Amino acid sequence: MFTNLQPLATAVLAHVFLGEHVTPQFIGGALVVISGVVLAQLRAPRTAAEGPPEPA
């Protein structure tokens, strides 16, 4: 989870310490990244006892 948020954290720190500008594209990209992380975390984790999914 944290690996996916590293670019976002880097951009925020660059804004704070280096004065980089936050653009609408940055905000849109940040929302996409955060949404992806949330969706990945909401999915129920599979346990080894469940085995592989059945073929369709």
Protein backbone atom coordinates (compact mmCIF):
# COMPACT_ATOMS: atom_id res chain seq x y z
CA MET A 1 0.00 0.00 0.00
CA PHE A 2 2.70 2.48 0.96
CA THR A 3 4.70 1.85 -2.21
CA ASN A 4 1.78 3.12 -4.29
CA LEU A 5 1.65 6.36 -2.31
CA GLN A 6 5.36 7.22 -2.51
CA PRO A 7 5.07 9.37 -5.67
CA LEU A 8 2.21 11.30 -4.08
CA ALA A 9 4.18 11.84 -0.87
CA THR A 10 7.21 12.94 -2.89
CA ALA A 11 5.16 15.50 -4.79
CA VAL A 12 3.64 16.87 -1.58
CA LEU A 13 7.07 17.15 0.04
CA ALA A 14 8.42 18.86 -3.09
CA HIS A 15 5.61 21.40 -2.78
CA VAL A 16 6.31 22.01 0.89
CA PHE A 17 10.12 22.15 0.81
CA LEU A 18 10.94 23.19 -2.76
CA GLY A 19 8.00 25.39 -3.63
CA GLU A 20 6.75 23.22 -6.52
CA HIS A 21 3.36 24.30 -7.85
CA VAL A 22 0.26 22.18 -7.32
CA THR A 23 -1.72 22.06 -10.56
CA PRO A 24 -5.19 20.72 -11.32
CA GLN A 25 -3.50 17.82 -13.12
CA PHE A 26 -1.57 17.00 -9.94
CA ILE A 27 -4.76 16.99 -7.88
CA GLY A 28 -6.52 14.80 -10.45
CA GLY A 29 -3.62 12.36 -10.53
CA ALA A 30 -3.48 12.27 -6.75
CA LEU A 31 -7.19 11.41 -6.61
CA VAL A 32 -6.69 8.60 -9.12
CA VAL A 33 -3.78 7.15 -7.10
CA ILE A 34 -5.65 7.38 -3.79
CA SER A 35 -8.78 5.84 -5.34
CA GLY A 36 -6.75 2.94 -6.68
CA VAL A 37 -5.16 2.28 -3.31
CA VAL A 38 -8.53 2.43 -1.55
CA LEU A 39 -10.12 0.06 -4.06
CA ALA A 40 -7.23 -2.39 -3.72
CA GLN A 41 -7.51 -2.34 0.07
CA LEU A 42 -11.29 -2.79 0.10
CA ARG A 43 -11.06 -6.03 -1.86
CA ALA A 44 -11.26 -8.98 0.53
CA PRO A 45 -7.87 -10.70 0.82
CA ARG A 46 -7.70 -14.30 -0.34
CA THR A 47 -6.38 -16.91 2.01
CA ALA A 48 -4.34 -19.94 0.97
CA ALA A 49 -7.15 -22.24 2.12
CA GLU A 50 -9.54 -20.81 -0.50
CA GLY A 51 -7.34 -21.92 -3.36
CA PRO A 52 -7.33 -20.49 -6.88
CA PRO A 53 -10.52 -19.06 -8.40
CA GLU A 54 -12.72 -21.35 -10.47
CA PRO A 55 -12.34 -21.00 -14.26
CA ALA A 56 -15.15 -19.14 -15.98
